[in-house]
Amino acid sequence: MSNNPAVRGFRNFGIIGCYLSLAIGLFALGWRRMVPAWCLVGLVSGAAYFIYEAVSYHREKDPEARPSLATFLHGLIVWPIMLPEVIENSLAELGVLKAGQQAPTSAPSEVEERPDDPDGPKPEGD
């Protein structure tokens, strides 16, 4: 899903754009208008992320994946990161988005693919 560099690039611009809009809004609109709007969006994003975590927890019953109420507080600061993530993950679980290949999280395997070799994969030591 987000392992595509083009998608990551647009997401990063969106995150930067949200924080820039906060900075500009503080000067243009004043803090009395901008801070409540930012906090409202942050709390809604935190609630959406908390609901997603709770649903995932009830499906998997993994004790380490237990939802935390601190998610609401995190939403106040990092909602530009949380909101796209919860939308993307929710749509992927609903089947609207097709899940892409995950980035490798472990050491590479001992077999290396060589596309130019007609014999197929061979151990790395060769």
C-alpha atoms as a PDB file:
ATOM      1  CA  MET A   1       0.000   0.000   0.000  1.00  0.00           C
ATOM      2  CA  SER A   2       2.351   2.746   1.175  1.00  0.00           C
ATOM      3  CA  ASN A   3       5.549   1.034   0.087  1.00  0.00           C
ATOM      4  CA  ASN A   4       5.221   2.703  -3.300  1.00  0.00           C
ATOM      5  CA  PRO A   5       7.686   5.644  -3.287  1.00  0.00           C
ATOM      6  CA  ALA A   6       5.260   7.892  -5.172  1.00  0.00           C
ATOM      7  CA  VAL A   7       2.515   7.339  -2.599  1.00  0.00           C
ATOM      8  CA  ARG A   8       4.931   7.903   0.274  1.00  0.00           C
ATOM      9  CA  GLY A   9       6.087  11.117  -1.358  1.00  0.00           C
ATOM     10  CA  PHE A  10       2.565  12.522  -1.624  1.00  0.00           C
ATOM     11  CA  ARG A  11       1.812  11.468   1.938  1.00  0.00           C
ATOM     12  CA  ASN A  12       4.955  13.228   3.168  1.00  0.00           C
ATOM     13  CA  PHE A  13       3.965  16.413   1.334  1.00  0.00           C
ATOM     14  CA  GLY A  14       0.528  16.177   2.933  1.00  0.00           C
ATOM     15  CA  ILE A  15       2.018  15.863   6.407  1.00  0.00           C
ATOM     16  CA  ILE A  16       4.317  18.822   5.841  1.00  0.00           C
ATOM     17  CA  GLY A  17       1.397  20.777   4.378  1.00  0.00           C
ATOM     18  CA  CYS A  18      -0.709  20.180   7.513  1.00  0.00           C
ATOM     19  CA  TYR A  19       2.003  21.472   9.821  1.00  0.00           C
ATOM     20  CA  LEU A  20       2.645  24.458   7.540  1.00  0.00           C
ATOM     21  CA  SER A  21      -1.063  25.253   7.549  1.00  0.00           C
ATOM     22  CA  LEU A  22      -0.951  25.229  11.351  1.00  0.00           C
ATOM     23  CA  ALA A  23       1.955  27.674  11.392  1.00  0.00           C
ATOM     24  CA  ILE A  24       0.395  29.947   8.789  1.00  0.00           C
ATOM     25  CA  GLY A  25      -3.036  29.702  10.390  1.00  0.00           C
ATOM     26  CA  LEU A  26      -1.651  30.749  13.758  1.00  0.00           C
ATOM     27  CA  PHE A  27      -0.519  34.030  12.227  1.00  0.00           C
ATOM     28  CA  ALA A  28      -3.323  34.572   9.715  1.00  0.00           C
ATOM     29  CA  LEU A  29      -6.331  33.482  11.797  1.00  0.00           C
ATOM     30  CA  GLY A  30      -4.945  33.816  15.284  1.00  0.00           C
ATOM     31  CA  TRP A  31      -4.463  31.110  17.835  1.00  0.00           C
ATOM     32  CA  ARG A  32      -8.037  31.378  19.182  1.00  0.00           C
ATOM     33  CA  ARG A  33      -9.419  30.026  15.912  1.00  0.00           C
ATOM     34  CA  MET A  34      -6.606  27.768  14.783  1.00  0.00           C
ATOM     35  CA  VAL A  35      -5.852  25.830  17.976  1.00  0.00           C
ATOM     36  CA  PRO A  36      -9.468  24.675  18.580  1.00  0.00           C
ATOM     37  CA  ALA A  37      -9.785  23.599  14.929  1.00  0.00           C
ATOM     38  CA  TRP A  38      -6.476  21.704  15.124  1.00  0.00           C
ATOM     39  CA  CYS A  39      -7.512  20.061  18.405  1.00  0.00           C
ATOM     40  CA  LEU A  40     -10.919  19.061  17.034  1.00  0.00           C
ATOM     41  CA  VAL A  41      -9.397  17.372  14.000  1.00  0.00           C
ATOM     42  CA  GLY A  42      -6.769  15.786  16.268  1.00  0.00           C
ATOM     43  CA  LEU A  43      -9.351  14.347  18.664  1.00  0.00           C
ATOM     44  CA  VAL A  44     -11.473  13.002  15.808  1.00  0.00           C
ATOM     45  CA  SER A  45      -8.362  11.415  14.257  1.00  0.00           C
ATOM     46  CA  GLY A  46      -7.362   9.963  17.624  1.00  0.00           C
ATOM     47  CA  ALA A  47     -10.873   8.538  18.075  1.00  0.00           C
ATOM     48  CA  ALA A  48     -10.805   6.978  14.601  1.00  0.00           C
ATOM     49  CA  TYR A  49      -7.400   5.441  15.280  1.00  0.00           C
ATOM     50  CA  PHE A  50      -8.555   4.169  18.687  1.00  0.00           C
ATOM     51  CA  ILE A  51     -11.627   2.536  17.115  1.00  0.00           C
ATOM     52  CA  TYR A  52      -9.441   0.916  14.458  1.00  0.00           C
ATOM     53  CA  GLU A  53      -7.064  -0.407  17.148  1.00  0.00           C
ATOM     54  CA  ALA A  54      -9.998  -1.703  19.239  1.00  0.00           C
ATOM     55  CA  VAL A  55     -11.545  -3.545  16.295  1.00  0.00           C
ATOM     56  CA  SER A  56      -8.159  -5.044  15.389  1.00  0.00           C
ATOM     57  CA  TYR A  57      -7.615  -6.090  19.008  1.00  0.00           C
ATOM     58  CA  HIS A  58     -10.979  -7.844  19.202  1.00  0.00           C
ATOM     59  CA  ARG A  59     -10.255  -9.714  15.974  1.00  0.00           C
ATOM     60  CA  GLU A  60      -6.771 -10.904  16.877  1.00  0.00           C
ATOM     61  CA  LYS A  61      -6.892 -10.992  20.706  1.00  0.00           C
ATOM     62  CA  ASP A  62      -3.198 -10.086  20.837  1.00  0.00           C
ATOM     63  CA  PRO A  63      -2.402  -8.688  24.325  1.00  0.00           C
ATOM     64  CA  GLU A  64       0.391  -6.504  22.924  1.00  0.00           C
ATOM     65  CA  ALA A  65      -1.996  -4.839  20.455  1.00  0.00           C
ATOM     66  CA  ARG A  66      -4.339  -3.570  23.163  1.00  0.00           C
ATOM     67  CA  PRO A  67      -5.728  -0.112  22.340  1.00  0.00           C
ATOM     68  CA  SER A  68      -4.609   2.775  24.524  1.00  0.00           C
ATOM     69  CA  LEU A  69      -6.510   5.893  25.539  1.00  0.00           C
ATOM     70  CA  ALA A  70      -3.277   7.821  24.993  1.00  0.00           C
ATOM     71  CA  THR A  71      -4.094   7.556  21.295  1.00  0.00           C
ATOM     72  CA  PHE A  72      -6.498  10.484  21.737  1.00  0.00           C
ATOM     73  CA  LEU A  73      -3.668  12.635  23.104  1.00  0.00           C
ATOM     74  CA  HIS A  74      -1.301  11.536  20.347  1.00  0.00           C
ATOM     75  CA  GLY A  75      -3.944  12.630  17.854  1.00  0.00           C
ATOM     76  CA  LEU A  76      -3.624  16.225  19.042  1.00  0.00           C
ATOM     77  CA  ILE A  77      -0.042  16.416  17.810  1.00  0.00           C
ATOM     78  CA  VAL A  78       0.390  13.769  15.110  1.00  0.00           C
ATOM     79  CA  TRP A  79      -3.035  13.664  13.457  1.00  0.00           C
ATOM     80  CA  PRO A  80      -1.526  14.467  10.030  1.00  0.00           C
ATOM     81  CA  ILE A  81       0.239  11.089  10.274  1.00  0.00           C
ATOM     82  CA  MET A  82      -2.521   9.131  12.034  1.00  0.00           C
ATOM     83  CA  LEU A  83      -5.471  10.121   9.852  1.00  0.00           C
ATOM     84  CA  PRO A  84      -4.096   8.882   6.495  1.00  0.00           C
ATOM     85  CA  GLU A  85      -2.814   5.724   8.178  1.00  0.00           C
ATOM     86  CA  VAL A  86      -6.143   4.817   9.784  1.00  0.00           C
ATOM     87  CA  ILE A  87      -8.015   5.520   6.538  1.00  0.00           C
ATOM     88  CA  GLU A  88      -5.600   3.408   4.521  1.00  0.00           C
ATOM     89  CA  ASN A  89      -5.575   0.506   6.990  1.00  0.00           C
ATOM     90  CA  SER A  90      -9.353   0.508   7.386  1.00  0.00           C
ATOM     91  CA  LEU A  91      -9.957   0.539   3.646  1.00  0.00           C
ATOM     92  CA  ALA A  92      -7.434  -2.272   3.197  1.00  0.00           C
ATOM     93  CA  GLU A  93      -9.186  -4.426   5.808  1.00  0.00           C
ATOM     94  CA  LEU A  94     -12.577  -3.725   4.222  1.00  0.00           C
ATOM     95  CA  GLY A  95     -11.186  -4.890   0.885  1.00  0.00           C
ATOM     96  CA  VAL A  96     -11.535  -1.532  -0.861  1.00  0.00           C
ATOM     97  CA  LEU A  97      -7.755  -1.177  -1.208  1.00  0.00           C
ATOM     98  CA  LYS A  98      -5.645  -4.083  -2.329  1.00  0.00           C
ATOM     99  CA  ALA A  99      -2.838  -4.785   0.127  1.00  0.00           C
ATOM    100  CA  GLY A 100       0.556  -4.406  -1.494  1.00  0.00           C
ATOM    101  CA  GLN A 101       3.779  -6.194  -0.746  1.00  0.00           C
ATOM    102  CA  GLN A 102       5.187  -5.486   2.668  1.00  0.00           C
ATOM    103  CA  ALA A 103       8.700  -4.161   3.044  1.00  0.00           C
ATOM    104  CA  PRO A 104      11.159  -6.839   4.180  1.00  0.00           C
ATOM    105  CA  THR A 105      11.362  -6.915   7.963  1.00  0.00           C
ATOM    106  CA  SER A 106      13.849  -9.744   8.422  1.00  0.00           C
ATOM    107  CA  ALA A 107      17.234 -10.639   7.043  1.00  0.00           C
ATOM    108  CA  PRO A 108      17.324 -11.500   3.345  1.00  0.00           C
ATOM    109  CA  SER A 109      16.935 -15.153   2.502  1.00  0.00           C
ATOM    110  CA  GLU A 110      19.862 -17.315   1.578  1.00  0.00           C
ATOM    111  CA  VAL A 111      18.617 -17.633  -1.979  1.00  0.00           C
ATOM    112  CA  GLU A 112      19.173 -14.690  -4.246  1.00  0.00           C
ATOM    113  CA  GLU A 113      17.161 -14.333  -7.426  1.00  0.00           C
ATOM    114  CA  ARG A 114      19.201 -13.612 -10.511  1.00  0.00           C
ATOM    115  CA  PRO A 115      16.870 -12.602 -13.346  1.00  0.00           C
ATOM    116  CA  ASP A 116      19.596 -12.900 -15.980  1.00  0.00           C
ATOM    117  CA  ASP A 117      20.460 -16.511 -14.941  1.00  0.00           C
ATOM    118  CA  PRO A 118      18.435 -19.135 -16.863  1.00  0.00           C
ATOM    119  CA  ASP A 119      19.065 -21.766 -14.150  1.00  0.00           C
ATOM    120  CA  GLY A 120      17.004 -19.857 -11.582  1.00  0.00           C
ATOM    121  CA  PRO A 121      17.840 -18.926  -7.996  1.00  0.00           C
ATOM    122  CA  LYS A 122      21.119 -20.066  -6.462  1.00  0.00           C
ATOM    123  CA  PRO A 123      22.553 -19.804  -2.927  1.00  0.00           C
ATOM    124  CA  GLU A 124      24.326 -16.505  -2.224  1.00  0.00           C
ATOM    125  CA  GLY A 125      27.706 -18.148  -1.629  1.00  0.00           C
ATOM    126  CA  ASP A 126      28.128 -19.044  -5.319  1.00  0.00           C
END
